[in-house]
Amino acid sequence: MLFFLFHSPISKIEEDYIMTTLSDSLINASCSRKDLLLVLQASDSVVPSTSTKPIYTNVLIDIRTDHIVVSASDGQVGMRCVIRRVEVAQTGSILVPAKQLYAMLKESRSSSIHFQEIDSDTNHLLQVELSDGSYHLPLMKSNEFPVIDGFPEQCESIPIDASLLDSMIKQTVFAADKDRTSVVLAGVYMSISGNELILAATDGKVLAECRSKNELYSPLEDTQVIVPTATINHMSRLLAQNSNGSTAVALGSKLIHIRSVIDASDDDHTVSVQVELTSRLIEGSYPSYRNAIPAASSQQVTFEKSDLLSSIKRTALMTNTHNRGIVMSLTAGEALFSNFSHSTGTAHIPVACDYSGENEKLGMNADYMQSLLRVYTGDTITLELNGSKRGMIIRSETALFLIMPISLPATVTSGS
């Protein structure tokens, strides 16, 4: 059985507090290659490809008498995993380059892997023995790796389907402030009130909100928090591997805790994986974003989602990195999409729609619209129009999106 335990962001004090209980003995142990590969696949969402602190590109392998503990961290999120099916000849702890070890195991067809530490005056290496090859990996001092704690059992939590939470994340995180002009807007707002869970994000130009109602949410006290986008992305990558499992969420004043269970099967056994993620929250108050949402509008236009996305993509080909603005010109039964700037060429893309209002031209950001359409779950999409000064509203059964318009150049509004 495998267990993954995630830690909150590591402070300087915590980082200076090193693990003093690690053994100095030379390790010698074996385990299932598939078990360790599964662990490294999960840790890939935490281990950075590069880091100003090279220690974070490694995993800590702590071999104990009857199990192996594999830990990973990026300085913000930590992971701890226990592998129970092991044979241990000598305990000890080592730091191994995560990406190299993962690549070795992925390409191998060996059923097991054997570790043996080699320490001499000139080299400190890990010898990795597989049935179809052997390797020597350079090692770092394991006692410099930060302590990683587990999920606090005393936290009151709510259950939520992993695939549902992942869907809610994908429908909101794209709207968070990527330029980090605001610390608060660079996170995702999360609220639990009564029997409703809400996720929302906005950068002031696009807004996304997703809601889920369930009586099982009721035990948790009403709480509103802001989760860092990096943590949300870690959650999403892990939840994507857990489409059939349940997830537990606990919110505190400064921390968020996520627990998820995955059952992974291979030819001869089933491996149960428990994932626990803990992260610090962003301090501050999230703006009252619902004040920016216009009332329902009777002026609407409906498209086939695939047709609308294709039209915007093709129009965006004629925009540039400095001006992603496009124009939607509406007439009865048809929308014509064109680009603002003609420095890179022009596009005029017609698309059929259900519209019977007055002729109207609206400006929009092509990137925002494409991001929204990629996460919108319906086959048809209706835009509620509120004129050229207020945002367009898109609603689904569980989500709401607001796209602020772009002011049109005089040459466009004049019809030239």
Protein backbone atom coordinates (compact mmCIF):
# COMPACT_ATOMS: atom_id res chain seq x y z
CA MET A 1 0.00 0.00 0.00
CA LEU A 2 1.26 3.47 -0.88
CA PHE A 3 0.51 6.67 1.05
CA PHE A 4 1.20 10.21 -0.18
CA LEU A 5 1.34 13.03 2.34
CA PHE A 6 1.68 16.65 1.28
CA HIS A 7 3.07 19.48 3.38
CA SER A 8 2.40 23.20 3.54
CA PRO A 9 4.86 25.75 2.09
CA ILE A 10 8.24 25.44 3.80
CA SER A 11 9.37 28.51 5.70
CA LYS A 12 12.99 29.48 6.22
CA ILE A 13 12.78 28.28 9.81
CA GLU A 14 11.35 24.94 8.71
CA GLU A 15 13.96 24.61 6.00
CA ASP A 16 16.75 25.20 8.48
CA TYR A 17 15.27 22.53 10.72
CA ILE A 18 16.77 19.49 9.05
CA MET A 19 16.00 15.86 9.56
CA THR A 20 18.40 14.73 12.30
CA THR A 21 17.15 11.15 12.58
CA LEU A 22 18.35 9.96 9.17
CA SER A 23 20.73 7.04 9.31
CA ASP A 24 24.32 7.35 8.07
CA SER A 25 24.40 3.66 7.14
CA LEU A 26 24.81 2.60 3.52
CA ILE A 27 21.37 1.53 2.27
CA ASN A 28 20.59 -1.80 0.68
CA ALA A 29 16.99 -2.63 -0.27
CA SER A 30 14.60 -3.80 -3.00
CA CYS A 31 11.01 -2.99 -3.98
CA SER A 32 8.58 -3.34 -6.88
CA ARG A 33 9.51 -1.19 -9.88
CA LYS A 34 5.83 -0.45 -10.56
CA ASP A 35 5.25 0.70 -7.00
CA LEU A 36 8.14 3.14 -7.14
CA LEU A 37 7.21 4.28 -10.65
CA LEU A 38 3.69 5.11 -9.44
CA VAL A 39 5.19 7.16 -6.61
CA LEU A 40 7.47 9.09 -8.95
CA GLN A 41 4.62 9.77 -11.38
CA ALA A 42 2.68 11.42 -8.57
CA SER A 43 5.71 13.35 -7.32
CA ASP A 44 6.26 14.75 -10.80
CA SER A 45 3.58 17.36 -10.05
CA VAL A 46 5.68 18.60 -7.13
CA VAL A 47 9.33 18.18 -8.15
CA PRO A 48 10.47 21.21 -10.21
CA SER A 49 12.42 20.66 -13.42
CA THR A 50 14.85 23.37 -12.34
CA SER A 51 15.28 25.24 -9.10
CA THR A 52 17.56 27.84 -7.53
CA LYS A 53 17.91 25.23 -4.78
CA PRO A 54 19.05 22.02 -6.51
CA ILE A 55 17.94 19.90 -3.56
CA TYR A 56 14.32 20.30 -4.70
CA THR A 57 14.98 18.49 -7.99
CA ASN A 58 15.63 15.32 -5.97
CA VAL A 59 13.45 12.88 -4.08
CA LEU A 60 14.38 11.69 -0.61
CA ILE A 61 14.35 7.91 -0.29
CA ASP A 62 14.31 6.92 3.37
CA ILE A 63 14.62 3.15 3.75
CA ARG A 64 13.38 1.78 7.06
CA THR A 65 13.07 -1.71 8.43
CA ASP A 66 9.72 -2.60 6.84
CA HIS A 67 8.91 0.21 4.40
CA ILE A 68 10.37 2.92 2.17
CA VAL A 69 9.39 6.58 2.51
CA VAL A 70 9.74 8.70 -0.63
CA SER A 71 9.50 12.48 -0.13
CA ALA A 72 9.49 15.39 -2.58
CA SER A 73 9.15 19.16 -2.33
CA ASP A 74 9.30 22.32 -4.40
CA GLY A 75 9.66 24.58 -1.37
CA GLN A 76 5.94 25.39 -1.44
CA VAL A 77 4.35 21.93 -1.44
CA GLY A 78 5.77 18.73 -0.01
CA MET A 79 4.95 15.07 -0.64
CA ARG A 80 5.52 11.95 1.42
CA CYS A 81 4.88 8.41 0.15
CA VAL A 82 5.21 5.07 1.93
CA ILE A 83 5.89 1.85 0.00
CA ARG A 84 5.13 -1.27 2.07
CA ARG A 85 6.15 -4.11 -0.28
CA VAL A 86 9.90 -4.01 0.34
CA GLU A 87 12.89 -6.15 1.26
CA VAL A 88 15.38 -4.27 3.43
CA ALA A 89 18.92 -5.42 4.19
CA GLN A 90 20.20 -2.06 5.49
CA THR A 91 18.31 1.09 6.41
CA GLY A 92 19.38 4.62 5.54
CA SER A 93 18.44 7.74 3.58
CA ILE A 94 19.55 9.12 0.22
CA LEU A 95 18.67 11.97 -2.15
CA VAL A 96 18.23 10.85 -5.77
CA PRO A 97 17.69 12.96 -8.94
CA ALA A 98 13.94 12.57 -9.47
CA LYS A 99 13.72 12.96 -13.25
CA GLN A 100 16.58 10.53 -13.94
CA LEU A 101 15.19 7.85 -11.65
CA TYR A 102 11.72 8.23 -13.14
CA ALA A 103 13.05 7.91 -16.70
CA MET A 104 14.98 4.75 -15.80
CA LEU A 105 11.97 3.03 -14.29
CA LYS A 106 9.61 4.13 -17.06
CA GLU A 107 11.76 2.59 -19.79
CA SER A 108 12.57 -0.59 -17.88
CA ARG A 109 10.51 -3.80 -17.94
CA SER A 110 12.03 -5.20 -14.76
CA SER A 111 9.61 -6.40 -12.09
CA SER A 112 11.79 -5.19 -9.21
CA ILE A 113 14.45 -2.62 -8.41
CA HIS A 114 17.40 -3.00 -6.04
CA PHE A 115 19.14 -0.03 -4.37
CA GLN A 116 22.64 -0.11 -2.94
CA GLU A 117 24.54 2.95 -1.74
CA ILE A 118 28.22 3.21 -2.63
CA ASP A 119 30.35 5.65 -0.63
CA SER A 120 34.09 6.06 -1.18
CA ASP A 121 36.68 8.81 -0.84
CA THR A 122 35.94 9.99 -4.40
CA ASN A 123 32.31 9.06 -5.06
CA HIS A 124 28.92 8.97 -3.34
CA LEU A 125 26.64 7.01 -5.64
CA LEU A 126 23.46 4.96 -5.71
CA GLN A 127 23.72 1.70 -7.61
CA VAL A 128 20.37 0.83 -9.20
CA GLU A 129 19.97 -2.75 -10.36
CA LEU A 130 17.16 -3.77 -12.73
CA SER A 131 16.78 -7.07 -14.57
CA ASP A 132 17.41 -5.28 -17.88
CA GLY A 133 20.15 -2.84 -16.86
CA SER A 134 22.08 -1.14 -14.07
CA TYR A 135 22.88 2.49 -13.28
CA HIS A 136 24.91 4.65 -10.93
CA LEU A 137 23.36 7.93 -9.79
CA PRO A 138 25.09 10.81 -7.97
CA LEU A 139 23.76 11.50 -4.47
CA MET A 140 23.43 14.58 -2.29
CA LYS A 141 23.45 14.73 1.50
CA SER A 142 20.03 13.56 2.63
CA ASN A 143 20.14 15.36 5.97
CA GLU A 144 19.65 18.69 4.20
CA PHE A 145 16.16 17.80 2.98
CA PRO A 146 13.35 19.64 4.82
CA VAL A 147 10.96 17.90 7.18
CA ILE A 148 7.61 17.06 5.57
CA ASP A 149 4.56 16.57 7.76
CA GLY A 150 1.33 14.76 7.02
CA PHE A 151 -2.34 15.68 6.98
CA PRO A 152 -3.66 16.69 10.45
CA GLU A 153 -6.27 14.11 11.36
CA GLN A 154 -8.15 16.51 13.63
CA CYS A 155 -9.29 18.68 10.71
CA GLU A 156 -13.03 18.51 9.98
CA SER A 157 -13.47 17.89 6.27
CA ILE A 158 -16.10 17.53 3.56
CA PRO A 159 -16.21 14.81 0.87
CA ILE A 160 -16.27 15.78 -2.81
CA ASP A 161 -15.94 13.72 -5.96
CA ALA A 162 -12.41 14.08 -7.37
CA SER A 163 -13.56 14.49 -10.98
CA LEU A 164 -16.06 17.16 -9.93
CA LEU A 165 -13.43 19.15 -8.03
CA ASP A 166 -11.02 18.85 -10.96
CA SER A 167 -13.74 20.12 -13.32
CA MET A 168 -14.49 23.07 -11.04
CA ILE A 169 -10.79 23.95 -10.90
CA LYS A 170 -10.41 23.83 -14.69
CA GLN A 171 -13.47 26.06 -15.17
CA THR A 172 -12.08 28.77 -12.88
CA VAL A 173 -8.29 28.79 -12.61
CA PHE A 174 -7.81 30.13 -16.15
CA ALA A 175 -9.34 33.45 -15.05
CA ALA A 176 -6.83 34.09 -12.23
CA ASP A 177 -4.41 36.99 -12.61
CA LYS A 178 -1.42 35.54 -14.48
CA ASP A 179 0.49 38.85 -14.41
CA ARG A 180 0.39 38.85 -10.60
CA THR A 181 -0.55 42.53 -10.47
CA SER A 182 -2.52 41.60 -7.35
CA VAL A 183 -1.53 38.93 -4.84
CA VAL A 184 -5.18 38.26 -4.03
CA LEU A 185 -6.32 37.98 -7.65
CA ALA A 186 -3.42 35.63 -8.40
CA GLY A 187 -5.26 33.00 -6.35
CA VAL A 188 -8.55 31.15 -6.60
CA TYR A 189 -11.38 32.07 -4.23
CA MET A 190 -12.93 29.10 -2.42
CA SER A 191 -16.02 29.30 -0.26
CA ILE A 192 -18.00 26.72 1.67
CA SER A 193 -21.28 27.99 3.04
CA GLY A 194 -24.14 25.76 4.10
CA ASN A 195 -24.41 23.04 1.49
CA GLU A 196 -22.62 24.94 -1.30
CA LEU A 197 -19.01 24.92 -2.49
CA ILE A 198 -17.90 27.85 -4.68
CA LEU A 199 -14.70 28.36 -6.67
CA ALA A 200 -14.09 31.68 -8.43
CA ALA A 201 -11.27 33.59 -10.10
CA THR A 202 -10.89 36.90 -11.89
CA ASP A 203 -8.18 39.21 -13.17
CA GLY A 204 -10.59 42.12 -13.63
CA LYS A 205 -11.10 41.37 -17.34
CA VAL A 206 -12.56 37.89 -17.17
CA LEU A 207 -14.46 36.24 -14.33
CA ALA A 208 -15.24 32.56 -13.75
CA GLU A 209 -17.36 31.06 -10.99
CA CYS A 210 -18.33 27.42 -10.44
CA ARG A 211 -20.76 26.06 -7.82
CA SER A 212 -21.55 22.64 -6.40
CA LYS A 213 -24.35 21.88 -3.95
CA ASN A 214 -24.37 18.85 -1.68
CA GLU A 215 -25.78 18.21 1.78
CA LEU A 216 -22.48 16.56 2.71
CA TYR A 217 -20.81 19.99 2.64
CA SER A 218 -22.89 21.21 5.59
CA PRO A 219 -20.71 19.97 8.50
CA LEU A 220 -17.93 22.45 7.70
CA GLU A 221 -18.28 25.95 9.14
CA ASP A 222 -18.85 28.78 6.66
CA THR A 223 -15.38 29.59 5.33
CA GLN A 224 -13.96 31.80 2.58
CA VAL A 225 -10.31 31.47 1.58
CA ILE A 226 -7.93 32.25 -1.30
CA VAL A 227 -5.84 29.34 -2.61
CA PRO A 228 -2.55 30.04 -4.48
CA THR A 229 -2.77 29.22 -8.18
CA ALA A 230 0.34 27.03 -7.92
CA THR A 231 -1.38 24.90 -5.29
CA ILE A 232 -4.54 24.71 -7.39
CA ASN A 233 -2.49 23.46 -10.34
CA HIS A 234 -0.83 20.81 -8.15
CA MET A 235 -4.30 19.70 -7.05
CA SER A 236 -5.58 19.52 -10.61
CA ARG A 237 -2.72 17.34 -11.85
CA LEU A 238 -3.26 14.88 -9.00
CA LEU A 239 -7.06 14.89 -9.22
CA ALA A 240 -6.81 14.09 -12.92
CA GLN A 241 -5.34 10.73 -11.88
CA ASN A 242 -8.27 10.12 -9.52
CA SER A 243 -11.38 10.30 -11.67
CA ASN A 244 -13.10 7.46 -9.80
CA GLY A 245 -12.20 8.34 -6.22
CA SER A 246 -13.41 10.57 -3.41
CA THR A 247 -11.57 13.62 -2.16
CA ALA A 248 -11.80 15.32 1.23
CA VAL A 249 -11.31 19.07 1.68
CA ALA A 250 -10.64 20.86 4.95
CA LEU A 251 -10.28 24.65 5.17
CA GLY A 252 -8.66 26.59 7.98
CA SER A 253 -7.81 30.24 8.49
CA LYS A 254 -4.32 29.78 7.04
CA LEU A 255 -4.20 26.31 5.49
CA ILE A 256 -6.05 24.14 3.00
CA HIS A 257 -5.88 20.36 3.23
CA ILE A 258 -6.77 17.93 0.43
CA ARG A 259 -6.99 14.17 0.82
CA SER A 260 -7.54 11.87 -2.14
CA VAL A 261 -7.43 8.10 -2.64
CA ILE A 262 -6.49 6.33 -5.89
CA ASP A 263 -6.72 2.63 -6.67
CA ALA A 264 -4.23 1.66 -9.37
CA SER A 265 -4.17 -1.91 -10.73
CA ASP A 266 -1.53 -3.82 -12.64
CA ASP A 267 -1.28 -7.45 -13.77
CA ASP A 268 -1.02 -9.05 -10.36
CA HIS A 269 -2.12 -6.63 -7.64
CA THR A 270 -3.95 -3.42 -6.75
CA VAL A 271 -2.07 -0.51 -5.20
CA SER A 272 -4.04 1.86 -2.96
CA VAL A 273 -2.68 5.38 -2.99
CA GLN A 274 -3.67 8.03 -0.46
CA VAL A 275 -2.75 11.60 -1.39
CA GLU A 276 -2.75 14.41 1.13
CA LEU A 277 -1.93 17.97 0.15
CA THR A 278 -1.51 20.89 2.53
CA SER A 279 -0.79 24.46 1.47
CA ARG A 280 -0.74 27.89 2.99
CA LEU A 281 -3.49 30.24 1.86
CA ILE A 282 -3.17 33.76 0.50
CA GLU A 283 -3.90 36.37 3.15
CA GLY A 284 -6.32 39.16 2.27
CA SER A 285 -9.92 39.74 1.27
CA TYR A 286 -11.20 38.71 -2.14
CA PRO A 287 -13.17 41.47 -3.91
CA SER A 288 -16.97 41.29 -4.04
CA TYR A 289 -16.87 40.09 -7.63
CA ARG A 290 -20.59 39.38 -7.91
CA ASN A 291 -21.24 43.14 -7.83
CA ALA A 292 -19.71 43.25 -11.34
CA ILE A 293 -22.16 40.72 -12.78
CA PRO A 294 -24.98 42.43 -14.73
CA ALA A 295 -28.56 41.29 -14.34
CA ALA A 296 -29.85 38.75 -16.84
CA SER A 297 -30.22 40.29 -20.30
CA SER A 298 -32.97 39.61 -22.81
CA GLN A 299 -30.56 40.34 -25.67
CA GLN A 300 -28.80 37.07 -26.38
CA VAL A 301 -26.92 35.25 -29.13
CA THR A 302 -26.52 31.46 -29.27
CA PHE A 303 -23.80 29.50 -31.11
CA GLU A 304 -22.70 25.93 -31.52
CA LYS A 305 -19.66 25.94 -29.24
CA SER A 306 -17.39 24.21 -31.75
CA ASP A 307 -18.35 26.71 -34.49
CA LEU A 308 -17.73 29.70 -32.23
CA LEU A 309 -14.36 28.39 -31.03
CA SER A 310 -13.22 27.67 -34.58
CA SER A 311 -14.24 31.12 -35.77
CA ILE A 312 -12.39 32.87 -32.95
CA LYS A 313 -9.29 30.72 -33.49
CA ARG A 314 -9.19 31.56 -37.19
CA THR A 315 -9.76 35.25 -36.60
CA ALA A 316 -7.01 35.30 -33.96
CA LEU A 317 -4.52 34.14 -36.60
CA MET A 318 -4.54 37.69 -37.93
CA THR A 319 -3.89 39.33 -34.53
CA ASN A 320 -0.52 39.95 -32.91
CA THR A 321 0.91 39.51 -29.42
CA HIS A 322 0.32 43.19 -28.59
CA ASN A 323 -3.28 43.35 -29.79
CA ARG A 324 -5.44 40.27 -29.37
CA GLY A 325 -8.65 42.18 -29.92
CA ILE A 326 -11.31 40.90 -32.32
CA VAL A 327 -14.71 42.23 -33.37
CA MET A 328 -18.00 40.35 -33.33
CA SER A 329 -20.48 42.00 -35.72
CA LEU A 330 -24.01 40.69 -35.19
CA THR A 331 -26.82 40.68 -37.71
CA ALA A 332 -29.94 38.52 -37.86
CA GLY A 333 -28.85 34.88 -37.97
CA GLU A 334 -25.14 35.56 -38.43
CA ALA A 335 -22.02 36.82 -36.64
CA LEU A 336 -18.98 38.10 -38.51
CA PHE A 337 -15.64 37.97 -36.72
CA SER A 338 -12.77 40.23 -37.75
CA ASN A 339 -9.52 41.51 -36.23
CA PHE A 340 -8.75 45.00 -34.87
CA SER A 341 -5.25 45.56 -36.16
CA HIS A 342 -4.53 45.01 -39.84
CA SER A 343 -0.72 45.10 -39.48
CA THR A 344 -0.50 41.32 -39.86
CA GLY A 345 -3.37 40.90 -42.31
CA THR A 346 -7.15 40.73 -42.10
CA ALA A 347 -9.72 38.07 -41.33
CA HIS A 348 -13.49 38.02 -41.92
CA ILE A 349 -15.02 34.82 -40.57
CA PRO A 350 -18.82 34.38 -40.73
CA VAL A 351 -20.59 31.92 -38.44
CA ALA A 352 -24.26 31.04 -38.11
CA CYS A 353 -25.99 31.93 -34.85
CA ASP A 354 -29.40 32.36 -33.28
CA TYR A 355 -29.77 36.14 -33.04
CA SER A 356 -32.71 38.39 -33.83
CA GLY A 357 -31.75 41.69 -32.21
CA GLU A 358 -30.49 44.93 -33.70
CA ASN A 359 -27.20 45.03 -35.57
CA GLU A 360 -24.38 45.36 -33.04
CA LYS A 361 -20.58 45.30 -32.88
CA LEU A 362 -18.69 44.15 -29.79
CA GLY A 363 -14.97 43.92 -29.10
CA MET A 364 -13.45 41.02 -27.19
CA ASN A 365 -10.10 39.46 -26.33
CA ALA A 366 -9.54 36.35 -28.45
CA ASP A 367 -7.38 34.62 -25.83
CA TYR A 368 -9.95 35.03 -23.06
CA MET A 369 -12.74 33.71 -25.27
CA GLN A 370 -10.71 30.68 -26.35
CA SER A 371 -9.77 29.84 -22.74
CA LEU A 372 -13.41 30.09 -21.69
CA LEU A 373 -14.70 27.97 -24.57
CA ARG A 374 -12.16 25.22 -23.87
CA VAL A 375 -13.56 24.69 -20.37
CA TYR A 376 -17.23 25.35 -21.14
CA THR A 377 -19.04 22.02 -20.88
CA GLY A 378 -22.10 22.46 -23.14
CA ASP A 379 -22.47 21.85 -26.89
CA THR A 380 -24.26 25.17 -27.42
CA ILE A 381 -23.35 28.44 -25.76
CA THR A 382 -25.43 31.57 -25.18
CA LEU A 383 -23.88 34.99 -24.73
CA GLU A 384 -25.98 37.49 -22.79
CA LEU A 385 -25.23 40.90 -24.28
CA ASN A 386 -25.12 44.06 -22.18
CA GLY A 387 -23.86 46.64 -24.65
CA SER A 388 -20.32 47.76 -25.39
CA LYS A 389 -19.61 49.00 -21.84
CA ARG A 390 -20.64 46.02 -19.73
CA GLY A 391 -19.51 42.41 -19.80
CA MET A 392 -20.99 39.51 -21.71
CA ILE A 393 -22.38 36.75 -19.49
CA ILE A 394 -22.15 33.02 -20.26
CA ARG A 395 -23.98 30.59 -18.00
CA SER A 396 -24.03 26.82 -17.69
CA GLU A 397 -25.81 24.59 -15.21
CA THR A 398 -23.08 25.00 -12.57
CA ALA A 399 -20.86 27.83 -13.85
CA LEU A 400 -20.96 31.51 -14.75
CA PHE A 401 -18.47 33.46 -16.85
CA LEU A 402 -18.10 37.19 -17.45
CA ILE A 403 -16.00 38.61 -20.30
CA MET A 404 -15.40 42.36 -20.25
CA PRO A 405 -15.62 43.99 -23.69
CA ILE A 406 -12.79 45.83 -25.45
CA SER A 407 -13.39 49.36 -26.68
CA LEU A 408 -13.68 49.40 -30.45
CA PRO A 409 -11.49 51.67 -32.60
CA ALA A 410 -13.28 54.55 -34.30
CA THR A 411 -12.68 52.95 -37.70
CA VAL A 412 -14.64 49.88 -36.57
CA THR A 413 -17.55 51.68 -34.93
CA SER A 414 -17.95 53.90 -37.99
CA GLY A 415 -18.36 50.79 -40.13
CA SER A 416 -15.23 51.21 -42.25
